[in-house]
N, C-alpha and C. Protein backbone atom coordinates (compact mmCIF):
# COMPACT_ATOMS: atom_id res chain seq x y z
N MET A 1 20.17 -17.98 -5.94
CA MET A 1 20.06 -16.50 -5.66
C MET A 1 19.47 -16.39 -7.05
N SER A 2 18.21 -14.96 -7.10
CA SER A 2 17.98 -14.58 -8.33
C SER A 2 17.60 -13.16 -7.54
N ASN A 3 17.90 -12.16 -8.74
CA ASN A 3 17.29 -10.74 -8.86
C ASN A 3 16.16 -10.80 -9.79
N THR A 4 15.53 -11.51 -10.52
CA THR A 4 14.89 -11.75 -11.85
C THR A 4 13.62 -10.99 -11.65
N VAL A 5 12.96 -10.38 -11.48
CA VAL A 5 11.63 -9.72 -11.58
C VAL A 5 10.43 -10.59 -11.75
N ASP A 6 9.67 -11.25 -10.57
CA ASP A 6 8.76 -12.14 -11.01
C ASP A 6 7.39 -11.35 -11.26
N THR A 7 6.89 -11.91 -12.84
CA THR A 7 6.21 -11.24 -13.06
C THR A 7 4.53 -12.38 -13.14
N SER A 8 4.33 -13.33 -11.98
CA SER A 8 3.52 -14.07 -12.31
C SER A 8 2.48 -14.08 -10.95
N ALA A 9 1.32 -14.44 -11.49
CA ALA A 9 -0.20 -13.90 -10.75
C ALA A 9 0.18 -14.22 -9.15
N SER A 10 0.51 -15.11 -9.00
CA SER A 10 0.89 -14.69 -7.20
C SER A 10 1.77 -13.45 -6.83
N LEU A 11 2.04 -12.71 -7.31
CA LEU A 11 2.67 -11.52 -6.88
C LEU A 11 2.11 -10.83 -6.98
N LYS A 12 0.64 -10.87 -7.71
CA LYS A 12 0.14 -9.69 -7.92
C LYS A 12 -1.31 -9.21 -7.09
N LYS A 13 -1.55 -10.43 -6.39
CA LYS A 13 -3.10 -10.07 -5.62
C LYS A 13 -3.14 -11.07 -4.40
N HIS A 14 -4.19 -10.79 -3.64
CA HIS A 14 -4.71 -11.87 -2.96
C HIS A 14 -3.89 -12.26 -1.94
N TRP A 15 -2.59 -11.32 -1.14
CA TRP A 15 -1.57 -11.07 0.19
C TRP A 15 -2.02 -10.00 0.54
N ILE A 16 -2.01 -10.30 1.91
CA ILE A 16 -2.20 -8.94 2.72
C ILE A 16 -1.06 -9.33 3.39
N LEU A 17 0.24 -7.27 3.56
CA LEU A 17 1.27 -7.29 4.36
C LEU A 17 0.56 -7.61 5.94
N THR A 18 1.98 -7.82 5.79
CA THR A 18 1.55 -8.41 7.78
C THR A 18 2.77 -7.68 8.29
N GLU A 19 2.74 -7.24 9.58
CA GLU A 19 3.56 -6.69 10.43
C GLU A 19 5.10 -7.64 10.58
N VAL A 20 5.01 -8.98 10.26
CA VAL A 20 5.73 -9.87 10.35
C VAL A 20 6.36 -10.11 8.93
N ALA A 21 5.56 -9.60 8.18
CA ALA A 21 6.34 -9.78 6.50
C ALA A 21 7.27 -8.21 6.30
N PHE A 22 6.35 -7.30 6.93
CA PHE A 22 7.51 -6.37 6.60
C PHE A 22 8.43 -5.95 7.35
N ASN A 23 8.25 -6.56 8.77
CA ASN A 23 10.01 -6.67 9.54
C ASN A 23 11.35 -7.25 8.92
N LYS A 24 10.50 -8.46 8.01
CA LYS A 24 11.58 -8.90 7.18
C LYS A 24 12.09 -8.14 6.25
N LEU A 25 11.43 -7.20 5.33
CA LEU A 25 11.58 -6.31 4.33
C LEU A 25 12.69 -5.36 5.55
N LEU A 26 12.33 -5.01 6.01
CA LEU A 26 13.31 -3.83 7.14
C LEU A 26 14.63 -4.59 7.62
N GLU A 27 14.58 -5.55 7.84
CA GLU A 27 15.98 -6.79 8.08
C GLU A 27 16.83 -6.72 6.93
N ARG A 28 15.86 -7.13 5.55
CA ARG A 28 16.59 -6.92 4.91
C ARG A 28 17.52 -5.72 4.45
N LEU A 29 16.71 -4.96 4.14
CA LEU A 29 17.37 -3.07 3.93
C LEU A 29 18.13 -3.36 4.92
N ASP A 30 18.70 -3.51 5.66
CA ASP A 30 19.91 -3.50 7.27
C ASP A 30 19.95 -3.84 8.48
N SER A 31 20.38 -4.30 8.59
CA SER A 31 20.57 -5.40 10.24
C SER A 31 20.36 -4.31 11.29
N ASP A 32 20.86 -3.08 11.26
CA ASP A 32 20.44 -1.78 12.27
C ASP A 32 19.54 -1.61 12.10
N ARG A 33 18.12 -1.51 13.16
CA ARG A 33 16.61 -0.99 12.24
C ARG A 33 16.75 1.17 11.97
N GLN A 34 17.61 1.59 12.68
CA GLN A 34 17.40 3.11 12.44
C GLN A 34 17.86 3.00 11.04
N ARG A 35 18.54 2.21 10.38
CA ARG A 35 19.58 2.48 9.21
C ARG A 35 18.48 1.50 8.47
N ALA A 36 18.03 0.70 8.51
CA ALA A 36 16.93 0.21 7.79
C ALA A 36 15.51 1.47 7.42
N GLY A 37 14.78 2.03 8.60
CA GLY A 37 14.25 2.87 8.27
C GLY A 37 14.74 3.62 7.79
N GLU A 38 16.24 4.19 7.62
CA GLU A 38 16.62 5.05 6.66
C GLU A 38 16.40 4.96 4.90
N LYS A 39 16.84 3.80 4.81
CA LYS A 39 16.72 2.93 3.82
C LYS A 39 15.98 2.54 3.68
N TYR A 40 14.93 2.07 3.68
CA TYR A 40 13.05 2.56 3.32
C TYR A 40 12.68 3.40 3.17
N GLU A 41 12.91 4.62 4.03
CA GLU A 41 11.94 5.81 3.10
C GLU A 41 12.50 6.57 2.06
N ARG A 42 14.28 6.00 1.80
CA ARG A 42 14.39 6.63 0.27
C ARG A 42 14.36 5.92 -0.21
N LEU A 43 13.98 4.75 -0.30
CA LEU A 43 13.71 3.55 -1.72
C LEU A 43 11.85 4.16 -1.68
N HIS A 44 11.38 4.41 -0.86
CA HIS A 44 9.80 4.68 -0.95
C HIS A 44 10.42 5.75 -1.83
N HIS A 45 10.80 6.92 -1.06
CA HIS A 45 10.61 8.04 -2.33
C HIS A 45 11.20 7.89 -3.37
N LYS A 46 12.44 7.24 -3.70
CA LYS A 46 12.77 6.73 -5.35
C LYS A 46 11.73 6.32 -5.97
N LEU A 47 10.66 5.42 -5.10
CA LEU A 47 9.62 5.24 -5.93
C LEU A 47 8.76 5.65 -6.25
N GLU A 48 7.93 6.98 -5.57
CA GLU A 48 7.18 7.89 -5.51
C GLU A 48 7.80 8.71 -6.62
N LYS A 49 9.00 9.26 -6.88
CA LYS A 49 9.11 10.04 -7.67
C LYS A 49 9.14 9.15 -9.04
N PHE A 50 9.34 8.22 -9.36
CA PHE A 50 8.93 7.21 -10.07
C PHE A 50 7.78 7.35 -10.97
N PHE A 51 6.83 7.22 -10.23
CA PHE A 51 5.78 7.31 -10.57
C PHE A 51 5.13 8.33 -11.01
N GLU A 52 5.56 9.14 -10.02
CA GLU A 52 5.06 10.81 -9.97
C GLU A 52 5.15 11.42 -11.59
N VAL A 53 6.22 10.63 -12.61
CA VAL A 53 6.23 11.04 -13.62
C VAL A 53 5.27 10.43 -14.72
N HIS A 54 4.49 9.90 -14.65
CA HIS A 54 3.30 8.76 -15.22
C HIS A 54 2.02 9.22 -14.43
N ARG A 55 1.83 8.48 -13.23
CA ARG A 55 0.77 8.54 -12.60
C ARG A 55 0.45 9.66 -11.50
N GLY A 56 1.19 10.58 -11.40
CA GLY A 56 0.97 11.80 -10.54
C GLY A 56 0.45 11.74 -9.26
N ALA A 57 -0.84 11.81 -9.04
CA ALA A 57 -1.22 11.64 -7.25
C ALA A 57 -1.78 10.39 -7.47
N LEU A 58 -1.60 8.98 -8.05
CA LEU A 58 -1.32 7.65 -7.56
C LEU A 58 0.06 7.14 -7.20
N ALA A 59 1.13 8.27 -7.27
CA ALA A 59 2.32 7.78 -7.06
C ALA A 59 2.89 6.89 -5.20
N GLU A 60 1.91 7.82 -4.06
CA GLU A 60 2.12 7.16 -3.49
C GLU A 60 1.81 5.77 -3.13
N GLU A 61 0.41 5.69 -3.61
CA GLU A 61 -0.37 4.08 -3.36
C GLU A 61 0.65 3.50 -4.36
N LEU A 62 1.22 4.06 -5.67
CA LEU A 62 1.71 2.94 -6.29
C LEU A 62 3.35 2.41 -5.86
N ALA A 63 3.43 3.14 -4.98
CA ALA A 63 5.10 3.06 -4.25
C ALA A 63 5.03 1.88 -3.22
N ASP A 64 3.55 2.23 -2.56
CA ASP A 64 3.29 1.24 -1.63
C ASP A 64 3.20 -0.23 -1.86
N GLU A 65 2.54 -0.26 -2.67
CA GLU A 65 2.17 -1.65 -3.86
C GLU A 65 3.31 -2.45 -4.12
N THR A 66 4.20 -1.84 -4.54
CA THR A 66 5.56 -1.84 -5.17
C THR A 66 6.22 -2.60 -3.87
N ILE A 67 6.31 -1.80 -2.43
CA ILE A 67 6.98 -2.36 -1.80
C ILE A 67 6.28 -3.62 -1.23
N ASN A 68 4.86 -3.88 -1.33
CA ASN A 68 4.17 -5.17 -0.33
C ASN A 68 4.61 -6.00 -1.80
N ARG A 69 4.53 -6.16 -2.84
CA ARG A 69 5.12 -6.82 -3.67
C ARG A 69 6.30 -7.53 -3.69
N VAL A 70 7.10 -6.73 -3.19
CA VAL A 70 8.48 -7.10 -3.00
C VAL A 70 8.67 -7.61 -1.78
N THR A 71 8.08 -7.18 -0.60
CA THR A 71 7.79 -8.17 0.59
C THR A 71 7.62 -9.04 0.44
N ARG A 72 6.14 -9.71 -0.31
CA ARG A 72 5.62 -10.68 -0.35
C ARG A 72 6.69 -12.06 -0.78
N LYS A 73 7.64 -11.54 -1.77
CA LYS A 73 8.55 -12.06 -2.64
C LYS A 73 9.73 -12.70 -1.29
N ILE A 74 10.31 -11.63 -0.43
CA ILE A 74 11.05 -11.75 0.31
C ILE A 74 10.79 -12.68 1.23
N GLU A 75 9.22 -12.87 2.01
CA GLU A 75 8.62 -13.72 3.00
C GLU A 75 8.34 -14.74 2.43
N GLU A 76 8.12 -15.38 1.01
CA GLU A 76 7.97 -16.72 0.20
C GLU A 76 9.74 -16.76 0.63
N GLY A 77 10.51 -16.35 0.37
CA GLY A 77 11.62 -16.99 0.18
C GLY A 77 12.84 -16.22 -0.64
N LEU A 78 12.26 -15.33 -1.84
CA LEU A 78 13.14 -15.14 -2.93
C LEU A 78 14.32 -14.25 -1.97
N GLU A 79 15.97 -15.12 -3.05
CA GLU A 79 16.68 -13.82 -2.22
C GLU A 79 17.33 -13.15 -2.96
N ILE A 80 16.83 -11.47 -2.64
CA ILE A 80 17.25 -10.48 -3.82
C ILE A 80 18.53 -10.16 -3.54
N GLN A 81 19.45 -9.64 -4.41
CA GLN A 81 20.46 -8.65 -4.47
C GLN A 81 20.88 -7.69 -4.18
N ASN A 82 20.04 -6.94 -5.09
CA ASN A 82 19.63 -5.63 -4.83
C ASN A 82 18.21 -5.19 -4.65
N ILE A 83 17.64 -5.05 -3.41
CA ILE A 83 16.23 -4.23 -3.01
C ILE A 83 15.68 -3.37 -4.02
N SER A 84 16.74 -2.51 -4.11
CA SER A 84 16.28 -0.94 -4.96
C SER A 84 15.97 -1.47 -6.59
N SER A 85 17.08 -2.50 -7.13
CA SER A 85 17.01 -2.87 -8.73
C SER A 85 15.67 -3.02 -9.19
N TYR A 86 15.34 -4.11 -7.56
CA TYR A 86 14.60 -5.28 -7.82
C TYR A 86 13.46 -4.27 -8.05
N CYS A 87 12.82 -3.28 -6.63
CA CYS A 87 11.81 -2.53 -6.99
C CYS A 87 11.65 -1.74 -8.12
N ILE A 88 12.42 -1.37 -8.22
CA ILE A 88 12.30 -0.39 -10.09
C ILE A 88 11.94 -1.14 -10.60
N GLY A 89 11.88 -2.63 -11.29
CA GLY A 89 11.55 -3.72 -11.76
C GLY A 89 10.20 -3.73 -11.75
N VAL A 90 10.10 -4.57 -10.51
CA VAL A 90 8.40 -3.93 -10.36
C VAL A 90 7.90 -2.93 -10.59
N ALA A 91 8.30 -2.10 -10.46
CA ALA A 91 7.14 -0.78 -10.13
C ALA A 91 7.09 -0.59 -11.73
N ARG A 92 8.53 -0.89 -12.66
CA ARG A 92 8.05 -0.47 -14.20
C ARG A 92 6.31 -1.74 -14.48
N ILE A 93 6.11 -3.03 -13.48
CA ILE A 93 5.59 -3.81 -14.16
C ILE A 93 4.53 -3.26 -13.67
N LEU A 94 4.50 -2.71 -12.52
CA LEU A 94 3.02 -2.42 -12.21
C LEU A 94 2.48 -0.58 -12.54
N LEU A 95 3.31 -0.06 -13.21
CA LEU A 95 3.22 1.05 -13.85
C LEU A 95 2.25 0.56 -15.32
N MET A 96 2.71 -0.58 -15.88
CA MET A 96 2.05 -0.79 -17.37
C MET A 96 0.68 -1.64 -16.58
N GLU A 97 0.62 -1.89 -15.63
CA GLU A 97 -0.73 -2.47 -15.32
C GLU A 97 -1.54 -1.19 -14.90
N SER A 98 -1.01 -0.40 -14.41
CA SER A 98 -1.49 0.60 -14.26
C SER A 98 -2.19 1.02 -15.32
N LEU A 99 -1.76 1.62 -15.87
CA LEU A 99 -1.70 2.35 -17.08
C LEU A 99 -3.16 1.80 -17.95
N LYS A 100 -2.56 0.38 -18.28
CA LYS A 100 -3.67 -0.68 -19.00
C LYS A 100 -5.17 -0.56 -18.02
N GLU A 101 -5.02 -0.66 -16.67
CA GLU A 101 -5.97 -0.49 -16.61
C GLU A 101 -7.23 0.70 -16.87
N GLN A 102 -5.76 1.79 -16.67
CA GLN A 102 -6.78 3.17 -16.99
C GLN A 102 -6.91 2.76 -18.43
N THR A 103 -6.84 2.59 -19.36
CA THR A 103 -7.09 2.58 -20.76
C THR A 103 -8.35 1.58 -20.40
N ARG A 104 -8.75 0.43 -20.02
CA ARG A 104 -9.43 -0.60 -20.18
C ARG A 104 -10.48 0.79 -19.38
N LYS A 105 -10.40 1.06 -18.32
CA LYS A 105 -11.99 1.93 -17.87
C LYS A 105 -11.88 3.09 -18.75
N SER A 106 -11.09 3.61 -19.50
CA SER A 106 -11.53 4.82 -20.29
C SER A 106 -12.27 4.25 -21.95
N GLU A 107 -12.00 3.35 -21.99
CA GLU A 107 -12.52 2.74 -23.35
C GLU A 107 -13.80 2.26 -22.88
N LEU A 108 -14.50 2.02 -21.43
CA LEU A 108 -15.79 1.39 -20.96
C LEU A 108 -16.39 2.42 -21.05
N HIS A 109 -15.75 3.70 -20.66
CA HIS A 109 -16.11 5.00 -19.75
C HIS A 109 -17.36 5.21 -21.34
N ASP A 110 -16.50 5.24 -22.46
CA ASP A 110 -16.84 5.37 -24.11
C ASP A 110 -17.64 4.77 -24.51
N VAL A 111 -18.36 3.52 -24.01
CA VAL A 111 -18.90 2.84 -24.84
C VAL A 111 -20.31 3.25 -24.02
N PRO A 112 -21.51 3.23 -24.85
CA PRO A 112 -23.26 4.20 -24.56
C PRO A 112 -23.73 2.65 -23.55
N SER A 113 -24.02 2.64 -23.11
CA SER A 113 -24.66 1.79 -22.30
C SER A 113 -26.00 2.26 -21.72
N THR A 114 -26.94 1.18 -21.55
CA THR A 114 -28.72 1.27 -21.31
C THR A 114 -28.65 1.01 -19.77
N ALA A 115 -27.76 0.35 -18.95
CA ALA A 115 -27.54 -1.00 -18.47
C ALA A 115 -27.41 0.20 -16.81
N PRO A 116 -28.25 -0.43 -15.86
CA PRO A 116 -28.50 0.86 -14.46
C PRO A 116 -26.66 0.39 -14.23
N PRO A 117 -27.03 1.38 -13.08
CA PRO A 117 -25.53 1.78 -12.54
C PRO A 117 -24.91 0.13 -11.81
N ASP A 118 -24.22 -0.12 -11.64
CA ASP A 118 -23.75 -1.68 -10.93
C ASP A 118 -23.86 -1.49 -9.26
N SER A 119 -24.94 -1.93 -9.34
CA SER A 119 -25.15 -1.70 -7.73
C SER A 119 -24.59 -2.54 -6.64
N HIS A 120 -23.89 -4.05 -7.58
CA HIS A 120 -23.29 -5.14 -6.69
C HIS A 120 -21.95 -4.13 -6.19
N TYR A 121 -21.26 -3.55 -7.13
CA TYR A 121 -20.02 -2.86 -6.85
C TYR A 121 -20.22 -1.53 -5.70
N SER A 122 -21.50 -0.96 -6.19
CA SER A 122 -21.71 0.33 -4.32
C SER A 122 -21.45 -0.27 -3.48
N SER A 123 -22.89 -1.93 -3.49
CA SER A 123 -23.23 -2.41 -2.20
C SER A 123 -21.59 -2.74 -1.70
N GLU A 124 -20.54 -3.26 -2.24
CA GLU A 124 -19.38 -4.16 -2.05
C GLU A 124 -18.40 -2.90 -1.28
N SER A 125 -18.36 -1.93 -2.25
CA SER A 125 -17.56 -0.97 -1.99
C SER A 125 -18.42 -0.22 -0.10
N GLU A 126 -19.52 -0.36 -0.29
CA GLU A 126 -19.79 0.44 0.88
C GLU A 126 -19.81 -0.43 2.23
N LYS A 127 -19.97 -1.64 1.98
CA LYS A 127 -19.16 -3.22 2.99
C LYS A 127 -17.66 -2.49 3.45
N GLN A 128 -17.35 -2.12 2.33
CA GLN A 128 -15.45 -2.39 2.70
C GLN A 128 -15.77 -1.09 3.47
N LEU A 129 -16.03 0.33 3.04
CA LEU A 129 -16.29 1.51 4.09
C LEU A 129 -16.58 0.96 5.55
N GLN A 130 -17.51 0.39 5.33
CA GLN A 130 -18.15 -0.09 7.33
C GLN A 130 -17.18 -0.88 7.84
N CYS A 131 -16.51 -1.84 7.29
CA CYS A 131 -15.67 -2.90 7.72
C CYS A 131 -14.29 -1.71 8.01
N LEU A 132 -14.09 -1.35 7.26
CA LEU A 132 -12.53 0.15 7.34
C LEU A 132 -13.59 0.53 8.55
N ASP A 133 -14.47 1.74 9.04
CA ASP A 133 -14.44 2.14 10.05
C ASP A 133 -14.52 0.81 11.00
N GLY A 134 -15.56 -0.20 11.12
CA GLY A 134 -15.26 -0.77 12.49
C GLY A 134 -13.80 -0.91 12.75
N CYS A 135 -12.60 -1.21 12.06
CA CYS A 135 -11.53 -1.23 12.06
C CYS A 135 -10.50 -1.00 13.16
N LEU A 136 -11.31 0.71 12.18
CA LEU A 136 -10.55 1.96 12.48
C LEU A 136 -11.12 2.21 13.83
N ASP A 137 -11.99 1.91 14.04
CA ASP A 137 -12.74 2.15 16.04
C ASP A 137 -12.12 1.29 16.84
N LYS A 138 -11.66 0.08 16.42
CA LYS A 138 -10.46 -0.55 17.53
C LYS A 138 -9.02 -0.62 17.57
N LEU A 139 -9.03 0.60 17.17
CA LEU A 139 -7.40 1.11 17.12
C LEU A 139 -7.78 1.91 17.96
N PRO A 140 -6.02 2.53 19.21
CA PRO A 140 -6.12 3.31 20.01
C PRO A 140 -6.95 4.90 19.56
N ALA A 141 -7.30 5.93 19.82
CA ALA A 141 -7.91 7.08 19.53
C ALA A 141 -6.09 7.63 19.32
N GLU A 142 -5.41 7.57 19.78
CA GLU A 142 -4.06 7.99 18.99
C GLU A 142 -4.12 7.52 17.94
N THR A 143 -3.61 6.36 17.48
CA THR A 143 -3.60 5.50 16.24
C THR A 143 -4.48 6.11 15.07
N GLN A 144 -5.61 6.19 16.07
CA GLN A 144 -6.61 6.42 14.37
C GLN A 144 -6.50 7.82 13.71
N ARG A 145 -6.15 8.89 15.02
CA ARG A 145 -5.55 10.16 14.97
C ARG A 145 -4.46 10.01 14.03
N LEU A 146 -3.33 9.39 14.11
CA LEU A 146 -2.35 9.24 13.84
C LEU A 146 -3.03 8.91 11.91
N ILE A 147 -3.30 7.82 11.83
CA ILE A 147 -3.56 7.60 10.14
C ILE A 147 -4.75 8.13 9.73
N VAL A 148 -5.27 8.62 10.39
CA VAL A 148 -6.25 9.86 9.41
C VAL A 148 -5.48 11.11 9.14
N GLU A 149 -4.61 11.47 9.98
CA GLU A 149 -4.20 13.02 9.92
C GLU A 149 -2.88 12.51 8.89
N TYR A 150 -2.06 11.47 8.44
CA TYR A 150 -1.14 10.76 7.87
C TYR A 150 -1.53 11.15 6.50
N TYR A 151 -2.85 10.84 6.12
CA TYR A 151 -3.16 11.14 4.47
C TYR A 151 -4.19 11.95 4.38
N GLN A 152 -4.04 13.08 4.98
CA GLN A 152 -4.52 14.32 4.64
C GLN A 152 -3.77 15.02 3.57
N LEU A 153 -4.26 15.84 3.00
CA LEU A 153 -3.52 17.19 2.14
C LEU A 153 -3.15 16.48 1.16
N SER A 154 -2.25 17.58 -0.20
CA SER A 154 -1.93 17.05 -1.07
C SER A 154 -0.47 17.81 -1.03
N LYS A 155 0.53 16.85 -2.22
CA LYS A 155 1.71 17.60 -2.51
C LYS A 155 2.31 18.27 -1.24
N GLN A 156 3.02 19.34 -1.39
CA GLN A 156 3.89 20.23 -0.47
C GLN A 156 3.53 20.05 0.87
N ALA A 157 1.97 20.64 0.93
CA ALA A 157 1.22 20.58 2.36
C ALA A 157 1.23 19.03 2.78
N LYS A 158 0.95 18.20 2.03
CA LYS A 158 0.86 16.86 3.11
C LYS A 158 2.65 16.45 2.79
N ILE A 159 3.59 17.06 2.60
CA ILE A 159 4.59 16.64 3.60
C ILE A 159 5.52 17.30 4.68
N ASP A 160 5.12 18.67 4.89
CA ASP A 160 5.00 19.55 5.25
C ASP A 160 4.16 19.18 7.04
N HIS A 161 2.47 18.64 6.69
CA HIS A 161 1.83 18.10 7.13
C HIS A 161 2.21 17.46 8.37
N ARG A 162 3.29 16.01 7.45
CA ARG A 162 4.11 14.70 8.06
C ARG A 162 4.93 15.20 8.56
N LYS A 163 5.67 16.38 8.20
CA LYS A 163 7.00 16.18 9.39
C LYS A 163 6.52 16.76 10.50
N GLY A 164 4.69 17.62 10.18
CA GLY A 164 4.65 18.17 11.49
C GLY A 164 4.00 17.19 12.61
N LEU A 165 3.73 16.10 12.02
CA LEU A 165 3.09 14.81 12.86
C LEU A 165 4.99 14.42 13.48
N ALA A 166 5.46 14.02 12.78
CA ALA A 166 6.83 13.37 12.70
C ALA A 166 7.13 14.39 14.25
N ASP A 167 7.10 15.36 13.96
CA ASP A 167 8.12 16.47 15.09
C ASP A 167 7.23 16.24 16.23
N ASP A 168 5.89 16.27 16.61
CA ASP A 168 5.25 16.28 17.98
C ASP A 168 5.09 15.22 18.01
N LEU A 169 5.68 13.63 17.94
CA LEU A 169 5.50 12.47 18.30
C LEU A 169 7.35 12.22 18.56
N GLY A 170 7.72 13.04 18.31
CA GLY A 170 9.33 13.33 18.50
C GLY A 170 10.18 12.34 17.93
N ILE A 171 9.91 12.16 16.79
CA ILE A 171 10.65 10.94 15.98
C ILE A 171 11.06 10.98 14.41
N PRO A 172 11.73 10.47 13.84
CA PRO A 172 12.44 10.75 12.12
C PRO A 172 10.84 10.86 11.67
N LEU A 173 11.31 11.44 9.96
CA LEU A 173 9.90 10.82 9.30
C LEU A 173 9.86 9.71 9.08
N ASN A 174 11.13 8.84 8.78
CA ASN A 174 11.17 7.67 8.30
C ASN A 174 10.26 6.54 9.38
N ALA A 175 10.35 7.00 10.68
CA ALA A 175 9.89 6.47 11.74
C ALA A 175 8.90 6.11 11.63
N LEU A 176 8.40 7.58 11.17
CA LEU A 176 6.62 7.66 11.63
C LEU A 176 6.01 6.72 9.98
N ARG A 177 6.70 6.99 8.73
CA ARG A 177 6.38 5.96 7.76
C ARG A 177 5.69 4.67 8.07
N ILE A 178 7.30 4.43 8.44
CA ILE A 178 7.28 2.91 9.32
C ILE A 178 6.37 2.82 10.09
N ARG A 179 5.93 3.27 10.81
CA ARG A 179 4.59 3.66 11.63
C ARG A 179 3.73 2.86 11.26
N VAL A 180 3.03 4.09 10.44
CA VAL A 180 1.65 4.34 9.55
C VAL A 180 1.51 2.87 8.86
N HIS A 181 3.01 2.45 7.79
CA HIS A 181 2.66 1.16 7.75
C HIS A 181 2.33 0.07 8.26
N ARG A 182 3.04 -0.06 9.16
CA ARG A 182 2.33 -1.08 9.81
C ARG A 182 0.78 -0.84 10.61
N VAL A 183 0.27 0.22 10.81
CA VAL A 183 -0.67 0.02 11.43
C VAL A 183 -1.72 0.03 9.96
N ARG A 184 -1.67 0.38 8.67
CA ARG A 184 -1.93 -0.22 7.50
C ARG A 184 -2.37 -1.52 7.26
N ALA A 185 -1.09 -2.44 7.65
CA ALA A 185 -0.94 -3.59 7.35
C ALA A 185 -2.32 -4.41 8.14
N GLN A 186 -2.18 -3.43 9.92
CA GLN A 186 -2.88 -4.44 10.70
C GLN A 186 -4.45 -3.99 10.05
N LEU A 187 -4.63 -2.96 9.45
CA LEU A 187 -6.25 -2.61 8.83
C LEU A 187 -6.56 -3.62 8.05
N GLU A 188 -5.73 -3.78 6.73
CA GLU A 188 -5.73 -4.47 5.91
C GLU A 188 -6.57 -5.95 5.65
N GLU A 189 -5.50 -6.21 7.60
CA GLU A 189 -5.56 -7.79 7.63
C GLU A 189 -7.49 -7.32 8.30
N CYS A 190 -7.43 -6.57 9.13
CA CYS A 190 -9.06 -6.84 10.05
C CYS A 190 -9.60 -6.70 8.69
N VAL A 191 -9.62 -5.45 7.55
CA VAL A 191 -11.20 -5.03 6.79
C VAL A 191 -10.97 -6.65 6.08
N ILE A 192 -9.83 -7.40 5.47
CA ILE A 192 -10.37 -8.80 5.25
C ILE A 192 -11.00 -9.67 5.40
N ARG A 193 -10.48 -10.10 7.03
CA ARG A 193 -11.17 -10.94 7.88
C ARG A 193 -12.68 -10.13 7.98
N CYS A 194 -13.35 -8.51 8.08
CA CYS A 194 -14.80 -8.58 8.20
C CYS A 194 -14.95 -8.74 7.50
N MET A 195 -14.50 -8.61 5.97
CA MET A 195 -15.21 -8.75 4.63
C MET A 195 -15.63 -10.22 4.82
N LYS A 196 -14.74 -11.39 4.55
CA LYS A 196 -14.65 -12.33 4.63
C LYS A 196 -15.94 -12.64 5.66
N ALA A 197 -16.39 -12.55 6.95
CA ALA A 197 -17.17 -12.58 7.89
C ALA A 197 -18.46 -12.09 7.16
N THR A 198 -18.24 -10.54 6.81
CA THR A 198 -19.99 -10.18 6.38
C THR A 198 -20.37 -11.47 4.97
N LYS A 199 -19.47 -11.39 4.31
CA LYS A 199 -20.14 -12.87 3.15
C LYS A 199 -20.70 -14.05 3.49
N LYS A 200 -20.06 -14.89 4.75
CA LYS A 200 -20.68 -15.67 5.32
C LYS A 200 -21.30 -15.66 5.80
N ASP A 201 -21.75 -14.48 6.41
CA ASP A 201 -23.42 -14.11 7.17
C ASP A 201 -24.09 -14.17 6.28
N GLU A 202 -23.98 -13.53 5.45
CA GLU A 202 -25.10 -13.04 4.35
C GLU A 202 -25.34 -14.37 3.42
N LYS A 203 -24.66 -15.80 3.61
CA LYS A 203 -25.10 -17.01 3.04
C LYS A 203 -25.76 -17.83 3.82
N GLU A 204 -25.81 -17.71 4.72
CA GLU A 204 -26.38 -18.50 6.13
C GLU A 204 -27.91 -17.94 6.25
């Protein structure tokens, strides 16, 4: 049994959230699906508040990444006694990573360069967007609308908008977040497959 935060490289990258893995997280939060959803919502809100102090607009994204990392450890078989406390530990590590990355980018920005723009990065981003568009097109129309509208607006307007979406669907706000998280997991898997296929085609 362990509740020690793992900072190994395996925790950080090259893992895609799946619906199966996400369901394992919910089961660990509570055996009752309704209560698990409520606990998930409270946990996500707690993480957002933690990141808002330091990273502002990136709070939701970092909260998602924290939960993804913890979900991975659960899927790998780690026994976590207190998920909330463990998440805060992971959040602190992720915050340091984020701040270091911000500092690195600032330092690079301050260094004069005569090099042309990174066309490879631009090309890679364009391919990712094309893959994302293709993956979105594969979703049912209502699901496409949901995922696009969910991430509209910011701050209080975003919160009010999401409450409206939940009301329109006749579900609690925490159930809406879980539904969107599952759709995101599907999209991430789809985009990864698309990018791999694209790179394979380019080599042939």
